[in-house]
Amino acid sequence: MTPAAFKRSLSNAVPPKALAPELQALWWAGKGDWDKAHRIVMDEHSKAAAWVHAYLHRVEGDDGNAGYWYRQAQRKAATGAVEQEWAAIVAALL
């Protein structure tokens, strides 16, 4: 799946089948369902999940919590627009 196809899939009611949990969380975040996205990554323990978790807390405006999750992901904290970060994570994880 390409990042463009992933973004187009946001018009559907449910995410595409066989997406990794991290991508499922990003899909729900892209739909504006922060709570559902957060519940998904809370149960995952990969560096990718930590990156998504950091992004979600950044969207929420909780920079302290986001910083913790960026460290868990071993990533530098993002500073650009959250929409750009969402797209970058999607592209990296696809």
N, C-alpha and C. Protein backbone atom coordinates (compact mmCIF):
# COMPACT_ATOMS: atom_id res chain seq x y z
N MET A 1 0.84 -1.17 0.00
CA MET A 1 0.00 0.00 0.00
C MET A 1 0.89 1.24 0.00
N THR A 2 0.51 2.22 -0.75
CA THR A 2 1.25 3.47 -0.80
C THR A 2 0.69 4.44 0.24
N PRO A 3 1.48 5.45 0.62
CA PRO A 3 0.93 6.46 1.53
C PRO A 3 -0.33 7.13 0.96
N ALA A 4 -0.37 7.36 -0.34
CA ALA A 4 -1.55 7.98 -0.94
C ALA A 4 -2.77 7.08 -0.81
N ALA A 5 -2.59 5.77 -1.03
CA ALA A 5 -3.70 4.82 -0.89
C ALA A 5 -4.15 4.75 0.57
N PHE A 6 -3.20 4.80 1.48
CA PHE A 6 -3.53 4.79 2.90
C PHE A 6 -4.40 6.00 3.23
N LYS A 7 -3.99 7.16 2.76
CA LYS A 7 -4.75 8.38 3.03
C LYS A 7 -6.13 8.31 2.40
N ARG A 8 -6.23 7.78 1.19
CA ARG A 8 -7.54 7.64 0.54
C ARG A 8 -8.45 6.70 1.33
N SER A 9 -7.86 5.70 1.98
CA SER A 9 -8.66 4.73 2.73
C SER A 9 -9.37 5.35 3.92
N LEU A 10 -8.98 6.57 4.30
CA LEU A 10 -9.64 7.24 5.43
C LEU A 10 -11.11 7.54 5.14
N SER A 11 -11.50 7.46 3.87
CA SER A 11 -12.91 7.69 3.54
C SER A 11 -13.76 6.46 3.84
N ASN A 12 -13.13 5.33 4.16
CA ASN A 12 -13.85 4.11 4.51
C ASN A 12 -14.26 4.14 5.99
N ALA A 13 -15.14 3.24 6.35
CA ALA A 13 -15.62 3.18 7.74
C ALA A 13 -14.66 2.43 8.66
N VAL A 14 -13.86 1.53 8.09
CA VAL A 14 -12.90 0.75 8.88
C VAL A 14 -11.56 0.74 8.15
N PRO A 15 -10.48 0.51 8.90
CA PRO A 15 -9.16 0.51 8.26
C PRO A 15 -8.99 -0.71 7.34
N PRO A 16 -8.07 -0.61 6.40
CA PRO A 16 -7.78 -1.76 5.54
C PRO A 16 -7.36 -2.96 6.38
N LYS A 17 -7.64 -4.14 5.89
CA LYS A 17 -7.27 -5.37 6.60
C LYS A 17 -5.76 -5.54 6.62
N ALA A 18 -5.29 -6.25 7.61
CA ALA A 18 -3.89 -6.66 7.75
C ALA A 18 -2.93 -5.50 8.01
N LEU A 19 -3.43 -4.38 8.51
CA LEU A 19 -2.52 -3.29 8.91
C LEU A 19 -1.91 -3.63 10.26
N ALA A 20 -0.64 -3.31 10.41
CA ALA A 20 0.00 -3.44 11.72
C ALA A 20 -0.71 -2.51 12.70
N PRO A 21 -0.68 -2.85 13.99
CA PRO A 21 -1.37 -2.02 14.98
C PRO A 21 -0.96 -0.55 14.93
N GLU A 22 0.31 -0.28 14.69
CA GLU A 22 0.78 1.11 14.63
C GLU A 22 0.09 1.87 13.50
N LEU A 23 -0.07 1.20 12.36
CA LEU A 23 -0.75 1.83 11.23
C LEU A 23 -2.25 1.93 11.47
N GLN A 24 -2.81 0.95 12.16
CA GLN A 24 -4.23 1.07 12.53
C GLN A 24 -4.43 2.31 13.39
N ALA A 25 -3.53 2.52 14.34
CA ALA A 25 -3.63 3.70 15.21
C ALA A 25 -3.53 4.98 14.39
N LEU A 26 -2.61 5.02 13.45
CA LEU A 26 -2.48 6.21 12.61
C LEU A 26 -3.72 6.41 11.75
N TRP A 27 -4.31 5.30 11.31
CA TRP A 27 -5.52 5.39 10.51
C TRP A 27 -6.63 6.04 11.33
N TRP A 28 -6.82 5.56 12.56
CA TRP A 28 -7.87 6.13 13.42
C TRP A 28 -7.54 7.58 13.76
N ALA A 29 -6.27 7.88 13.97
CA ALA A 29 -5.88 9.27 14.22
C ALA A 29 -6.21 10.13 13.02
N GLY A 30 -5.97 9.61 11.83
CA GLY A 30 -6.31 10.33 10.60
C GLY A 30 -7.79 10.58 10.46
N LYS A 31 -8.59 9.72 11.06
CA LYS A 31 -10.05 9.89 11.06
C LYS A 31 -10.51 10.83 12.18
N GLY A 32 -9.57 11.23 13.04
CA GLY A 32 -9.92 12.12 14.14
C GLY A 32 -10.33 11.41 15.42
N ASP A 33 -10.11 10.10 15.48
CA ASP A 33 -10.48 9.34 16.68
C ASP A 33 -9.23 9.09 17.53
N TRP A 34 -8.82 10.13 18.26
CA TRP A 34 -7.61 10.07 19.07
C TRP A 34 -7.70 8.96 20.10
N ASP A 35 -8.84 8.83 20.77
CA ASP A 35 -8.98 7.83 21.83
C ASP A 35 -8.77 6.42 21.31
N LYS A 36 -9.38 6.10 20.18
CA LYS A 36 -9.22 4.76 19.62
C LYS A 36 -7.76 4.52 19.22
N ALA A 37 -7.16 5.52 18.59
CA ALA A 37 -5.75 5.40 18.20
C ALA A 37 -4.87 5.18 19.43
N HIS A 38 -5.13 5.92 20.48
CA HIS A 38 -4.32 5.80 21.70
C HIS A 38 -4.49 4.44 22.35
N ARG A 39 -5.72 3.94 22.39
CA ARG A 39 -5.95 2.60 22.98
C ARG A 39 -5.15 1.53 22.23
N ILE A 40 -5.03 1.67 20.93
CA ILE A 40 -4.29 0.67 20.14
C ILE A 40 -2.81 0.69 20.50
N VAL A 41 -2.19 1.87 20.50
CA VAL A 41 -0.74 1.91 20.76
C VAL A 41 -0.38 1.66 22.21
N MET A 42 -1.33 1.89 23.12
CA MET A 42 -1.05 1.63 24.53
C MET A 42 -0.71 0.15 24.78
N ASP A 43 -1.24 -0.73 23.96
CA ASP A 43 -1.03 -2.16 24.14
C ASP A 43 0.15 -2.71 23.33
N GLU A 44 0.85 -1.83 22.63
CA GLU A 44 1.98 -2.26 21.80
C GLU A 44 3.29 -1.81 22.43
N HIS A 45 4.36 -2.54 22.16
CA HIS A 45 5.63 -2.25 22.82
C HIS A 45 6.80 -2.09 21.86
N SER A 46 6.52 -1.85 20.60
CA SER A 46 7.59 -1.67 19.61
C SER A 46 8.04 -0.21 19.59
N LYS A 47 9.19 0.03 18.98
CA LYS A 47 9.66 1.40 18.81
C LYS A 47 8.71 2.16 17.88
N ALA A 48 8.16 1.47 16.90
CA ALA A 48 7.20 2.11 15.99
C ALA A 48 5.96 2.56 16.77
N ALA A 49 5.49 1.72 17.68
CA ALA A 49 4.32 2.08 18.49
C ALA A 49 4.65 3.27 19.40
N ALA A 50 5.85 3.28 19.93
CA ALA A 50 6.26 4.42 20.77
C ALA A 50 6.29 5.70 19.94
N TRP A 51 6.71 5.62 18.69
CA TRP A 51 6.74 6.79 17.82
C TRP A 51 5.31 7.31 17.58
N VAL A 52 4.41 6.39 17.28
CA VAL A 52 3.00 6.77 17.08
C VAL A 52 2.44 7.34 18.39
N HIS A 53 2.78 6.72 19.49
CA HIS A 53 2.32 7.18 20.80
C HIS A 53 2.80 8.61 21.04
N ALA A 54 4.06 8.87 20.72
CA ALA A 54 4.61 10.23 20.86
C ALA A 54 3.82 11.22 20.01
N TYR A 55 3.59 10.84 18.77
CA TYR A 55 2.82 11.69 17.86
C TYR A 55 1.44 12.01 18.46
N LEU A 56 0.77 10.99 18.97
CA LEU A 56 -0.57 11.20 19.53
C LEU A 56 -0.56 12.17 20.70
N HIS A 57 0.44 12.06 21.56
CA HIS A 57 0.51 12.99 22.70
C HIS A 57 0.88 14.39 22.24
N ARG A 58 1.62 14.48 21.15
CA ARG A 58 1.92 15.79 20.57
C ARG A 58 0.63 16.42 20.04
N VAL A 59 -0.18 15.63 19.37
CA VAL A 59 -1.48 16.12 18.87
C VAL A 59 -2.33 16.61 20.04
N GLU A 60 -2.28 15.87 21.13
CA GLU A 60 -3.05 16.19 22.32
C GLU A 60 -2.55 17.48 22.98
N GLY A 61 -1.31 17.84 22.69
CA GLY A 61 -0.72 19.02 23.33
C GLY A 61 0.04 18.71 24.59
N ASP A 62 0.29 17.43 24.85
CA ASP A 62 1.01 16.99 26.04
C ASP A 62 2.47 16.74 25.65
N ASP A 63 3.24 17.83 25.57
CA ASP A 63 4.63 17.73 25.10
C ASP A 63 5.52 16.92 26.03
N GLY A 64 5.27 16.98 27.33
CA GLY A 64 6.07 16.20 28.27
C GLY A 64 5.90 14.70 28.04
N ASN A 65 4.67 14.26 27.90
CA ASN A 65 4.40 12.85 27.64
C ASN A 65 4.91 12.46 26.26
N ALA A 66 4.73 13.34 25.28
CA ALA A 66 5.25 13.08 23.94
C ALA A 66 6.76 12.87 24.00
N GLY A 67 7.45 13.72 24.75
CA GLY A 67 8.91 13.60 24.87
C GLY A 67 9.33 12.23 25.41
N TYR A 68 8.61 11.75 26.40
CA TYR A 68 8.89 10.41 26.94
C TYR A 68 8.80 9.37 25.84
N TRP A 69 7.72 9.42 25.05
CA TRP A 69 7.52 8.40 24.02
C TRP A 69 8.50 8.56 22.86
N TYR A 70 8.92 9.78 22.54
CA TYR A 70 9.97 9.94 21.52
C TYR A 70 11.26 9.27 22.01
N ARG A 71 11.56 9.42 23.29
CA ARG A 71 12.76 8.76 23.82
C ARG A 71 12.62 7.25 23.75
N GLN A 72 11.44 6.73 24.06
CA GLN A 72 11.22 5.28 23.97
C GLN A 72 11.38 4.80 22.53
N ALA A 73 10.98 5.62 21.58
CA ALA A 73 11.08 5.28 20.16
C ALA A 73 12.49 5.51 19.62
N GLN A 74 13.33 6.14 20.45
CA GLN A 74 14.69 6.53 20.05
C GLN A 74 14.64 7.44 18.82
N ARG A 75 13.76 8.42 18.91
CA ARG A 75 13.55 9.41 17.85
C ARG A 75 13.68 10.81 18.43
N LYS A 76 14.15 11.71 17.60
CA LYS A 76 14.19 13.12 17.98
C LYS A 76 12.75 13.65 17.98
N ALA A 77 12.40 14.44 18.95
CA ALA A 77 11.05 15.00 19.03
C ALA A 77 10.77 15.85 17.80
N ALA A 78 9.61 15.64 17.22
CA ALA A 78 9.21 16.40 16.04
C ALA A 78 8.87 17.83 16.43
N THR A 79 9.09 18.74 15.51
CA THR A 79 8.79 20.15 15.77
C THR A 79 7.93 20.77 14.67
N GLY A 80 7.77 20.10 13.56
CA GLY A 80 6.97 20.65 12.46
C GLY A 80 5.48 20.43 12.69
N ALA A 81 4.73 20.65 11.65
CA ALA A 81 3.27 20.47 11.72
C ALA A 81 2.94 19.01 11.99
N VAL A 82 1.92 18.78 12.81
CA VAL A 82 1.54 17.41 13.15
C VAL A 82 1.07 16.65 11.90
N GLU A 83 0.48 17.35 10.93
CA GLU A 83 0.04 16.69 9.70
C GLU A 83 1.24 16.15 8.92
N GLN A 84 2.33 16.89 8.94
CA GLN A 84 3.55 16.42 8.28
C GLN A 84 4.13 15.21 9.01
N GLU A 85 4.08 15.24 10.32
CA GLU A 85 4.60 14.10 11.08
C GLU A 85 3.75 12.86 10.82
N TRP A 86 2.44 13.02 10.80
CA TRP A 86 1.54 11.89 10.51
C TRP A 86 1.93 11.26 9.18
N ALA A 87 2.10 12.09 8.15
CA ALA A 87 2.45 11.60 6.82
C ALA A 87 3.81 10.91 6.83
N ALA A 88 4.76 11.47 7.56
CA ALA A 88 6.12 10.88 7.64
C ALA A 88 6.09 9.52 8.32
N ILE A 89 5.32 9.40 9.39
CA ILE A 89 5.24 8.11 10.09
C ILE A 89 4.55 7.09 9.21
N VAL A 90 3.46 7.48 8.57
CA VAL A 90 2.77 6.56 7.66
C VAL A 90 3.73 6.05 6.60
N ALA A 91 4.45 6.97 5.97
CA ALA A 91 5.38 6.57 4.90
C ALA A 91 6.47 5.65 5.43
N ALA A 92 6.97 5.93 6.61
CA ALA A 92 8.04 5.11 7.18
C ALA A 92 7.55 3.70 7.55
N LEU A 93 6.31 3.61 8.04
CA LEU A 93 5.81 2.32 8.49
C LEU A 93 5.20 1.48 7.39
N LEU A 94 4.81 2.10 6.28
CA LEU A 94 4.30 1.32 5.17
C LEU A 94 5.46 0.64 4.46
